[in-house]
Amino acid sequence: MDLVVKLPWRSLFQLPAACILLACLSLAFCTGACHADEIHRPKVAVVLSGGGMKAAAAIGVLKALEEEEIPVDMILGSSMGAVVGGLYAAGMTPEHIQEQFEKKKLMHAYLTIPLSLRILVIPLFYTPRLVGIEPYDGLYRGKRFADYLNKQIPETQRSIEDLKVPFGAVAVNLLDGKVKVFTSGNLSTALQASCAIPALRKPVKIKGDDGLYVDGSVLNNLPVKEARKMGADIVIAVDTTDRSETKDSDYHKVGSVTARVINLHMAQVDRESRNSADFVIDPAVQSVPAVSTSPTQARKLIEAGAKAAHQIAPAIKDCLEKHTVK
């Protein structure tokens, strides 16, 4: 005789409900456990100063940070520091950026024609004014440099908002005298604006923007404060400005006085930013001219940047560990 167990008809509904409740409780427990295992660490920003060829030292810094497994959550840069940072944020490896410096491609596109020749042909740039044409002040537009950058940047990364790493390029708006941080729009145009050295390059107009932009290092060579505004908890400032003392014989070369005045100005501008950064990396850049195109000098700068970054890496790691919530 078969044994038949009869359950009240209500249990047919109650049993599945109990199972569902048990499953929900299990899921809630697992979710809570997963959240408990999440690691919350500070956001790290790397801020890169200008300096012409000297900014190549930033390549070594980025390479060293990768080797030390120090995260880079965002990058901001001014002038040539913006170029190095922008290319890195677009997915270019430090080795690839280094190759662009060593093969002279980047600096040749940036300088366009030698400084001495630019000075000789200054009168030619005033000829249009004699016939009533009034272009913006500056020897050349820098379009060749923007075209070069476009060729290096993958199509999927040509808008700043699409970059692999959040990025900001610093420029100065001549019209209102304020600092502008480009966090959206065309990357190569933003870099062109950030590198528009007054008197040498014409200020840059950007489509859809009312501003007129020049080199960011004029007012903000180390955008530490801007990195904080973008959400950075820890800011690593990489200063490739030449702060060394000079001697009388240094000022017999064309452009030497202008270069020194610019360096002195940037040193003054940088003081507050350096003090407000959590870490400052100072690569040894003193012996390399800002307008150099030498592959040997580029390698020297990159090695100096890597060395300086490796030296400070233990302190950065300690800071990250102390402020990481597990």
Protein backbone atom coordinates (compact mmCIF):
# COMPACT_ATOMS: atom_id res chain seq x y z
CA MET A 1 0.00 0.00 0.00
CA ASP A 2 1.46 3.32 -1.07
CA LEU A 3 1.97 5.96 1.56
CA VAL A 4 0.45 9.25 0.54
CA VAL A 5 1.32 12.39 2.47
CA LYS A 6 -1.32 15.03 2.24
CA LEU A 7 -0.33 18.67 2.73
CA PRO A 8 -2.77 21.47 3.32
CA TRP A 9 -3.43 23.24 0.03
CA ARG A 10 -2.05 26.51 1.45
CA SER A 11 1.40 24.92 1.83
CA LEU A 12 1.64 24.66 -1.95
CA PHE A 13 1.94 28.46 -2.00
CA GLN A 14 3.79 28.87 1.28
CA LEU A 15 6.66 26.54 0.36
CA PRO A 16 7.79 28.46 -2.77
CA ALA A 17 7.44 31.73 -0.86
CA ALA A 18 9.69 30.40 1.89
CA CYS A 19 12.24 29.32 -0.70
CA ILE A 20 12.17 32.75 -2.32
CA LEU A 21 12.62 34.44 1.06
CA LEU A 22 15.56 32.18 1.88
CA ALA A 23 17.15 32.90 -1.50
CA CYS A 24 16.75 36.67 -0.98
CA LEU A 25 18.35 36.49 2.46
CA SER A 26 21.24 34.48 1.04
CA LEU A 27 21.72 37.00 -1.77
CA ALA A 28 21.65 39.90 0.68
CA PHE A 29 24.26 38.20 2.84
CA CYS A 30 26.51 37.52 -0.15
CA THR A 31 26.14 41.08 -1.39
CA GLY A 32 27.00 42.45 2.02
CA ALA A 33 30.01 40.16 2.22
CA CYS A 34 31.16 41.27 -1.23
CA HIS A 35 30.86 44.94 -0.25
CA ALA A 36 32.79 44.21 2.89
CA ASP A 37 35.64 42.86 0.74
CA GLU A 38 35.73 45.92 -1.54
CA ILE A 39 38.85 48.05 -1.36
CA HIS A 40 38.41 51.81 -1.35
CA ARG A 41 41.67 53.60 -2.11
CA PRO A 42 42.41 57.28 -2.73
CA LYS A 43 42.25 58.65 -6.28
CA VAL A 44 45.72 59.52 -7.55
CA ALA A 45 46.36 62.41 -9.95
CA VAL A 46 49.64 63.01 -11.75
CA VAL A 47 50.22 66.66 -12.65
CA LEU A 48 52.84 67.47 -15.31
CA SER A 49 54.47 70.87 -15.77
CA GLY A 50 55.71 72.45 -18.98
CA GLY A 51 59.33 72.94 -19.94
CA GLY A 52 59.69 72.12 -23.64
CA MET A 53 62.06 69.21 -24.15
CA LYS A 54 62.57 69.03 -20.38
CA ALA A 55 59.02 67.65 -20.08
CA ALA A 56 60.36 64.41 -21.57
CA ALA A 57 61.38 63.59 -18.00
CA ALA A 58 57.67 63.02 -17.32
CA ILE A 59 57.84 59.95 -19.59
CA GLY A 60 60.33 58.38 -17.21
CA VAL A 61 58.09 59.24 -14.27
CA LEU A 62 55.06 57.56 -15.85
CA LYS A 63 57.15 54.52 -16.73
CA ALA A 64 58.44 54.25 -13.15
CA LEU A 65 54.94 54.60 -11.67
CA GLU A 66 53.83 51.67 -13.83
CA GLU A 67 56.80 49.59 -12.68
CA GLU A 68 56.08 50.48 -9.05
CA GLU A 69 52.40 49.58 -9.59
CA ILE A 70 51.28 53.01 -8.40
CA PRO A 71 47.85 53.76 -9.92
CA VAL A 72 47.26 56.81 -12.09
CA ASP A 73 43.57 57.71 -11.95
CA MET A 74 43.82 61.06 -13.74
CA ILE A 75 46.40 63.25 -15.46
CA LEU A 76 46.57 67.01 -15.82
CA GLY A 77 49.24 68.92 -17.67
CA SER A 78 50.35 72.32 -18.84
CA SER A 79 52.22 73.11 -22.06
CA MET A 80 54.51 70.21 -23.08
CA GLY A 81 53.50 68.39 -19.91
CA ALA A 82 49.96 68.36 -21.28
CA VAL A 83 51.26 66.78 -24.49
CA VAL A 84 53.03 63.95 -22.68
CA GLY A 85 50.05 63.45 -20.36
CA GLY A 86 47.51 63.63 -23.18
CA LEU A 87 49.29 61.02 -25.28
CA TYR A 88 49.57 58.74 -22.25
CA ALA A 89 45.89 59.22 -21.39
CA ALA A 90 45.03 58.29 -24.99
CA GLY A 91 46.66 54.90 -24.48
CA MET A 92 50.15 55.55 -25.83
CA THR A 93 52.76 53.67 -23.79
CA PRO A 94 55.71 55.52 -22.22
CA GLU A 95 57.97 53.60 -24.60
CA HIS A 96 56.03 54.87 -27.62
CA ILE A 97 56.12 58.46 -26.39
CA GLN A 98 59.85 58.08 -25.73
CA GLU A 99 60.31 56.91 -29.31
CA GLN A 100 58.64 60.10 -30.57
CA PHE A 101 61.17 62.19 -28.65
CA GLU A 102 64.18 60.07 -29.59
CA LYS A 103 63.31 60.12 -33.29
CA LYS A 104 62.91 63.92 -33.04
CA LYS A 105 59.40 63.69 -34.50
CA LEU A 106 57.60 65.35 -31.61
CA MET A 107 60.01 68.22 -31.00
CA HIS A 108 60.42 68.92 -34.74
CA ALA A 109 56.65 69.18 -35.10
CA TYR A 110 56.50 71.34 -31.98
CA LEU A 111 59.31 73.74 -32.93
CA THR A 112 58.44 73.81 -36.66
CA ILE A 113 61.44 75.96 -37.63
CA PRO A 114 64.59 76.88 -35.66
CA LEU A 115 64.27 79.76 -33.20
CA SER A 116 67.07 81.76 -34.86
CA LEU A 117 65.36 81.52 -38.26
CA ARG A 118 61.99 82.51 -36.77
CA ILE A 119 63.56 85.69 -35.42
CA LEU A 120 65.15 86.49 -38.80
CA VAL A 121 61.83 86.21 -40.62
CA ILE A 122 59.82 88.29 -38.13
CA PRO A 123 59.53 91.19 -40.65
CA LEU A 124 57.71 88.87 -43.08
CA PHE A 125 54.96 88.32 -40.55
CA TYR A 126 54.24 92.04 -40.44
CA THR A 127 53.80 92.30 -44.23
CA PRO A 128 50.07 91.35 -44.16
CA ARG A 129 49.40 94.29 -41.82
CA LEU A 130 50.67 96.66 -44.49
CA VAL A 131 47.78 95.64 -46.75
CA GLY A 132 45.12 95.82 -44.05
CA ILE A 133 45.15 92.18 -42.90
CA GLU A 134 45.46 91.87 -39.13
CA PRO A 135 46.16 88.28 -38.01
CA TYR A 136 46.58 87.35 -34.35
CA ASP A 137 49.95 88.16 -32.82
CA GLY A 138 52.51 85.35 -33.07
CA LEU A 139 54.92 83.90 -35.60
CA TYR A 140 52.93 80.80 -36.53
CA ARG A 141 49.71 78.95 -35.72
CA GLY A 142 51.04 75.60 -34.57
CA LYS A 143 48.73 73.74 -36.96
CA ARG A 144 51.54 71.42 -38.00
CA PHE A 145 51.88 70.33 -34.39
CA ALA A 146 48.12 69.73 -34.07
CA ASP A 147 48.19 67.66 -37.28
CA TYR A 148 51.10 65.63 -35.94
CA LEU A 149 49.22 64.92 -32.71
CA ASN A 150 46.11 63.84 -34.62
CA LYS A 151 48.17 61.25 -36.47
CA GLN A 152 49.49 59.83 -33.20
CA ILE A 153 46.16 59.65 -31.40
CA PRO A 154 43.79 56.75 -32.25
CA GLU A 155 40.47 57.88 -33.74
CA THR A 156 38.58 56.44 -30.77
CA GLN A 157 40.61 58.63 -28.39
CA ARG A 158 40.51 62.00 -30.16
CA SER A 159 37.89 63.42 -27.79
CA ILE A 160 39.09 64.10 -24.27
CA GLU A 161 35.95 62.60 -22.77
CA ASP A 162 36.76 59.27 -24.51
CA LEU A 163 40.30 58.92 -23.14
CA LYS A 164 41.36 55.82 -21.22
CA VAL A 165 42.44 57.99 -18.28
CA PRO A 166 40.57 61.17 -17.20
CA PHE A 167 42.61 64.12 -18.46
CA GLY A 168 42.80 67.90 -18.29
CA ALA A 169 44.89 70.24 -20.47
CA VAL A 170 45.57 73.69 -19.03
CA ALA A 171 45.52 76.87 -21.13
CA VAL A 172 45.01 80.57 -20.43
CA ASN A 173 42.15 82.56 -21.95
CA LEU A 174 43.55 85.91 -23.07
CA LEU A 175 40.10 87.51 -23.14
CA ASP A 176 39.21 87.12 -19.47
CA GLY A 177 42.67 86.34 -18.11
CA LYS A 178 41.52 83.09 -16.50
CA VAL A 179 42.90 79.57 -16.48
CA LYS A 180 40.93 77.06 -18.55
CA VAL A 181 41.14 73.31 -18.02
CA PHE A 182 40.01 71.38 -21.09
CA THR A 183 38.29 68.20 -19.92
CA SER A 184 36.21 67.74 -23.07
CA GLY A 185 36.49 68.45 -26.78
CA ASN A 186 39.15 67.64 -29.35
CA LEU A 187 42.36 66.47 -27.69
CA SER A 188 44.89 67.72 -30.26
CA THR A 189 43.31 71.20 -30.34
CA ALA A 190 43.39 71.41 -26.55
CA LEU A 191 47.07 70.40 -26.57
CA GLN A 192 47.78 72.97 -29.28
CA ALA A 193 46.22 75.65 -27.06
CA SER A 194 48.08 74.48 -23.98
CA CYS A 195 51.39 74.81 -25.90
CA ALA A 196 50.73 78.15 -27.62
CA ILE A 197 53.80 80.03 -26.35
CA PRO A 198 53.04 83.78 -26.43
CA ALA A 199 54.77 85.73 -29.23
CA LEU A 200 55.99 82.54 -30.91
CA ARG A 201 52.65 80.85 -31.56
CA LYS A 202 49.40 82.54 -32.40
CA PRO A 203 46.68 82.16 -29.75
CA VAL A 204 44.27 79.33 -30.47
CA LYS A 205 40.57 79.68 -31.25
CA ILE A 206 38.48 76.63 -30.49
CA LYS A 207 35.25 75.83 -32.30
CA GLY A 208 32.22 76.41 -30.11
CA ASP A 209 34.25 78.35 -27.55
CA ASP A 210 34.44 82.14 -27.22
CA GLY A 211 37.93 82.10 -25.70
CA LEU A 212 41.33 82.85 -27.22
CA TYR A 213 43.94 80.57 -25.68
CA VAL A 214 47.69 80.57 -25.01
CA ASP A 215 50.18 78.39 -23.15
CA GLY A 216 48.87 77.23 -19.77
CA SER A 217 52.20 77.72 -18.02
CA VAL A 218 51.72 81.50 -18.24
CA LEU A 219 49.45 81.34 -15.18
CA ASN A 220 49.33 77.71 -14.08
CA ASN A 221 52.33 75.53 -14.78
CA LEU A 222 51.43 72.90 -12.16
CA PRO A 223 47.62 72.52 -11.98
CA VAL A 224 47.45 70.91 -8.54
CA LYS A 225 44.34 72.81 -7.43
CA GLU A 226 42.55 71.80 -10.63
CA ALA A 227 43.40 68.15 -9.94
CA ARG A 228 41.71 68.45 -6.55
CA LYS A 229 38.61 69.89 -8.23
CA MET A 230 38.53 66.85 -10.54
CA GLY A 231 38.34 64.59 -7.49
CA ALA A 232 41.97 63.72 -6.73
CA ASP A 233 42.78 62.67 -3.16
CA ILE A 234 46.53 62.35 -3.70
CA VAL A 235 48.36 64.64 -6.12
CA ILE A 236 51.81 63.83 -7.49
CA ALA A 237 53.32 66.94 -9.10
CA VAL A 238 56.10 66.46 -11.65
CA ASP A 239 58.05 69.70 -11.99
CA THR A 240 60.33 69.84 -15.03
CA THR A 241 61.04 73.56 -14.75
CA ASP A 242 64.71 74.55 -14.60
CA ARG A 243 65.36 76.11 -11.18
CA SER A 244 69.16 76.15 -11.31
CA GLU A 245 71.28 79.28 -10.96
CA THR A 246 72.96 80.68 -14.07
CA LYS A 247 76.16 82.51 -14.98
CA ASP A 248 76.94 85.54 -17.12
CA SER A 249 78.17 83.51 -20.10
CA ASP A 250 74.80 81.76 -20.39
CA TYR A 251 73.20 84.85 -21.94
CA HIS A 252 75.11 85.24 -25.19
CA LYS A 253 72.85 82.84 -27.12
CA VAL A 254 69.75 83.97 -29.00
CA GLY A 255 66.66 83.48 -26.87
CA SER A 256 68.62 82.76 -23.66
CA VAL A 257 67.33 85.83 -21.80
CA THR A 258 63.72 85.12 -22.78
CA ALA A 259 64.07 81.49 -21.67
CA ARG A 260 65.46 82.56 -18.30
CA VAL A 261 62.69 85.12 -17.74
CA ILE A 262 60.08 82.47 -18.51
CA ASN A 263 61.72 80.04 -16.06
CA LEU A 264 61.82 82.66 -13.31
CA HIS A 265 58.16 83.48 -13.88
CA MET A 266 57.14 79.82 -13.80
CA ALA A 267 59.13 79.23 -10.61
CA GLN A 268 57.14 82.02 -8.95
CA VAL A 269 53.83 80.74 -10.31
CA ASP A 270 54.61 77.17 -9.20
CA ARG A 271 55.40 77.96 -5.57
CA GLU A 272 51.85 77.62 -4.24
CA SER A 273 51.15 74.55 -6.37
CA ARG A 274 54.28 72.77 -5.16
CA ASN A 275 53.35 73.47 -1.55
CA SER A 276 49.82 72.10 -1.98
CA ALA A 277 50.83 68.88 -3.76
CA ASP A 278 51.15 65.69 -1.70
CA PHE A 279 54.33 64.68 -3.51
CA VAL A 280 56.66 66.66 -5.77
CA ILE A 281 59.00 64.90 -8.19
CA ASP A 282 61.94 67.04 -9.34
CA PRO A 283 63.87 65.28 -12.12
CA ALA A 284 67.36 66.59 -12.86
CA VAL A 285 66.64 68.62 -16.01
CA GLN A 286 69.05 71.52 -15.57
CA SER A 287 71.61 70.52 -18.18
CA VAL A 288 69.18 70.14 -21.10
CA PRO A 289 67.91 73.15 -23.13
CA ALA A 290 64.13 73.46 -23.40
CA VAL A 291 64.37 73.62 -27.22
CA SER A 292 66.76 70.68 -27.65
CA THR A 293 65.92 67.95 -30.17
CA SER A 294 68.81 65.64 -29.25
CA PRO A 295 67.86 61.95 -28.81
CA THR A 296 70.70 61.59 -26.30
CA GLN A 297 69.33 64.46 -24.24
CA ALA A 298 65.83 62.99 -24.43
CA ARG A 299 67.07 59.66 -23.05
CA LYS A 300 68.95 61.50 -20.31
CA LEU A 301 65.80 63.33 -19.25
CA ILE A 302 63.65 60.19 -19.30
CA GLU A 303 66.20 58.36 -17.15
CA ALA A 304 66.28 61.30 -14.74
CA GLY A 305 62.49 61.22 -14.46
CA ALA A 306 62.44 57.48 -13.79
CA LYS A 307 65.18 57.78 -11.16
CA ALA A 308 63.39 60.58 -9.31
CA ALA A 309 60.08 58.69 -9.37
CA HIS A 310 61.61 55.43 -8.09
CA GLN A 311 63.18 57.34 -5.21
CA ILE A 312 59.88 58.76 -4.00
CA ALA A 313 57.79 55.66 -4.81
CA PRO A 314 58.08 54.06 -1.32
CA ALA A 315 56.62 57.19 0.30
CA ILE A 316 53.74 57.27 -2.21
CA LYS A 317 53.00 53.59 -1.57
CA ASP A 318 52.98 54.12 2.19
CA CYS A 319 50.53 57.00 1.79
CA LEU A 320 48.25 54.90 -0.41
CA GLU A 321 48.30 52.01 2.04
CA LYS A 322 47.50 54.24 5.03
CA HIS A 323 44.51 55.79 3.29
CA THR A 324 43.13 52.61 1.69
CA VAL A 325 40.02 51.19 3.38
CA LYS A 326 39.70 47.41 3.10
